[in-house]
Amino acid sequence: MVTARNILIQRQPALDLLLASEGDLCHVIGSECCSYVPDMADNLTMTLTHMNDL
């Protein structure tokens, strides 16, 4: 899971830069592109609290 999180963190800014003339990645794709990939090193209770706050 850490690898998937790192890939997402690395690629989102690059895609935002490539799509800057059209907005950004989430503007082009829509709200479906917004994702939360928890850092599995965090406390599970803290992660669940964060997700419930969304």
N, C-alpha and C. Protein backbone atom coordinates (compact mmCIF):
# COMPACT_ATOMS: atom_id res chain seq x y z
N MET A 1 0.82 -1.19 0.00
CA MET A 1 0.00 0.00 0.00
C MET A 1 0.86 1.26 0.00
N VAL A 2 2.02 1.19 0.64
CA VAL A 2 2.90 2.35 0.66
C VAL A 2 3.35 2.69 -0.75
N THR A 3 3.60 1.69 -1.57
CA THR A 3 4.03 1.93 -2.94
C THR A 3 2.94 2.64 -3.73
N ALA A 4 1.69 2.20 -3.62
CA ALA A 4 0.59 2.85 -4.33
C ALA A 4 0.45 4.30 -3.89
N ARG A 5 0.61 4.55 -2.60
CA ARG A 5 0.52 5.92 -2.07
C ARG A 5 1.63 6.79 -2.66
N ASN A 6 2.84 6.26 -2.70
CA ASN A 6 3.97 7.02 -3.25
C ASN A 6 3.78 7.32 -4.72
N ILE A 7 3.26 6.36 -5.47
CA ILE A 7 3.02 6.57 -6.90
C ILE A 7 1.99 7.67 -7.10
N LEU A 8 0.92 7.64 -6.32
CA LEU A 8 -0.11 8.67 -6.42
C LEU A 8 0.46 10.05 -6.10
N ILE A 9 1.24 10.13 -5.04
CA ILE A 9 1.83 11.41 -4.64
C ILE A 9 2.78 11.94 -5.71
N GLN A 10 3.49 11.06 -6.40
CA GLN A 10 4.44 11.48 -7.43
C GLN A 10 3.75 11.86 -8.73
N ARG A 11 2.71 11.15 -9.12
CA ARG A 11 2.11 11.37 -10.43
C ARG A 11 1.09 12.50 -10.47
N GLN A 12 0.38 12.75 -9.39
CA GLN A 12 -0.65 13.79 -9.40
C GLN A 12 -0.08 15.16 -9.79
N PRO A 13 1.02 15.62 -9.18
CA PRO A 13 1.56 16.93 -9.58
C PRO A 13 2.01 16.96 -11.05
N ALA A 14 2.57 15.86 -11.53
CA ALA A 14 3.00 15.80 -12.93
C ALA A 14 1.81 15.91 -13.86
N LEU A 15 0.73 15.20 -13.55
CA LEU A 15 -0.47 15.28 -14.38
C LEU A 15 -1.12 16.66 -14.27
N ASP A 16 -1.10 17.26 -13.08
CA ASP A 16 -1.61 18.63 -12.93
C ASP A 16 -0.83 19.59 -13.82
N LEU A 17 0.48 19.44 -13.88
CA LEU A 17 1.31 20.30 -14.71
C LEU A 17 0.99 20.10 -16.19
N LEU A 18 0.85 18.85 -16.62
CA LEU A 18 0.54 18.57 -18.02
C LEU A 18 -0.84 19.09 -18.42
N LEU A 19 -1.77 19.10 -17.47
CA LEU A 19 -3.14 19.53 -17.76
C LEU A 19 -3.41 20.96 -17.30
N ALA A 20 -2.35 21.74 -17.04
CA ALA A 20 -2.51 23.09 -16.49
C ALA A 20 -3.37 23.98 -17.39
N SER A 21 -3.27 23.81 -18.69
CA SER A 21 -4.05 24.67 -19.60
C SER A 21 -5.55 24.36 -19.53
N GLU A 22 -5.91 23.18 -19.03
CA GLU A 22 -7.31 22.79 -18.92
C GLU A 22 -7.80 22.81 -17.47
N GLY A 23 -7.01 23.30 -16.58
CA GLY A 23 -7.35 23.28 -15.15
C GLY A 23 -6.32 22.42 -14.45
N ASP A 24 -6.74 21.32 -13.89
CA ASP A 24 -5.83 20.34 -13.32
C ASP A 24 -6.47 18.97 -13.48
N LEU A 25 -5.84 17.95 -12.96
CA LEU A 25 -6.33 16.58 -13.15
C LEU A 25 -7.76 16.42 -12.66
N CYS A 26 -8.05 16.89 -11.46
CA CYS A 26 -9.40 16.73 -10.91
C CYS A 26 -10.42 17.56 -11.67
N HIS A 27 -10.00 18.68 -12.25
CA HIS A 27 -10.92 19.49 -13.06
C HIS A 27 -11.31 18.74 -14.34
N VAL A 28 -10.34 18.09 -14.96
CA VAL A 28 -10.58 17.36 -16.22
C VAL A 28 -11.39 16.09 -15.96
N ILE A 29 -11.01 15.31 -14.97
CA ILE A 29 -11.67 14.03 -14.70
C ILE A 29 -12.93 14.20 -13.87
N GLY A 30 -12.91 15.14 -12.95
CA GLY A 30 -14.04 15.34 -12.05
C GLY A 30 -13.69 14.84 -10.66
N SER A 31 -14.67 14.87 -9.80
CA SER A 31 -14.42 14.52 -8.40
C SER A 31 -14.01 13.06 -8.21
N GLU A 32 -14.23 12.22 -9.22
CA GLU A 32 -13.85 10.81 -9.10
C GLU A 32 -12.34 10.65 -8.94
N CYS A 33 -11.57 11.63 -9.37
CA CYS A 33 -10.11 11.48 -9.30
C CYS A 33 -9.57 11.76 -7.92
N CYS A 34 -10.33 12.42 -7.09
CA CYS A 34 -9.87 12.73 -5.75
C CYS A 34 -9.88 11.45 -4.92
N SER A 35 -8.75 11.14 -4.34
CA SER A 35 -8.66 9.89 -3.59
C SER A 35 -7.88 10.10 -2.31
N TYR A 36 -8.13 9.24 -1.37
CA TYR A 36 -7.41 9.25 -0.10
C TYR A 36 -6.74 7.90 0.05
N VAL A 37 -5.43 7.91 0.03
CA VAL A 37 -4.66 6.69 0.23
C VAL A 37 -3.95 6.85 1.57
N PRO A 38 -4.42 6.15 2.59
CA PRO A 38 -3.84 6.34 3.92
C PRO A 38 -2.40 5.85 3.99
N ASP A 39 -1.63 6.49 4.81
CA ASP A 39 -0.28 6.04 5.11
C ASP A 39 -0.42 4.93 6.14
N MET A 40 -0.12 3.71 5.76
CA MET A 40 -0.36 2.57 6.64
C MET A 40 0.52 2.62 7.90
N ALA A 41 1.50 3.49 7.93
CA ALA A 41 2.32 3.63 9.12
C ALA A 41 1.59 4.41 10.21
N ASP A 42 0.54 5.15 9.81
CA ASP A 42 -0.23 5.93 10.79
C ASP A 42 -1.06 5.00 11.67
N ASN A 43 -1.49 5.54 12.76
CA ASN A 43 -2.38 4.85 13.67
C ASN A 43 -3.73 4.64 12.97
N LEU A 44 -4.27 3.44 13.00
CA LEU A 44 -5.53 3.12 12.33
C LEU A 44 -6.68 3.96 12.86
N THR A 45 -6.72 4.20 14.15
CA THR A 45 -7.78 5.01 14.73
C THR A 45 -7.75 6.42 14.17
N MET A 46 -6.56 7.00 14.03
CA MET A 46 -6.42 8.34 13.49
C MET A 46 -6.88 8.38 12.03
N THR A 47 -6.56 7.35 11.26
CA THR A 47 -6.97 7.28 9.87
C THR A 47 -8.48 7.19 9.76
N LEU A 48 -9.12 6.35 10.56
CA LEU A 48 -10.58 6.23 10.54
C LEU A 48 -11.26 7.53 10.95
N THR A 49 -10.72 8.21 11.93
CA THR A 49 -11.26 9.50 12.35
C THR A 49 -11.18 10.50 11.20
N HIS A 50 -10.05 10.53 10.52
CA HIS A 50 -9.88 11.43 9.38
C HIS A 50 -10.90 11.12 8.28
N MET A 51 -11.11 9.86 7.97
CA MET A 51 -12.06 9.48 6.93
C MET A 51 -13.49 9.85 7.33
N ASN A 52 -13.84 9.69 8.59
CA ASN A 52 -15.17 10.06 9.06
C ASN A 52 -15.39 11.56 8.99
N ASP A 53 -14.33 12.34 9.17
CA ASP A 53 -14.43 13.80 9.11
C ASP A 53 -14.67 14.30 7.69
N LEU A 54 -14.33 13.48 6.70
CA LEU A 54 -14.54 13.89 5.31
C LEU A 54 -16.00 13.91 5.04
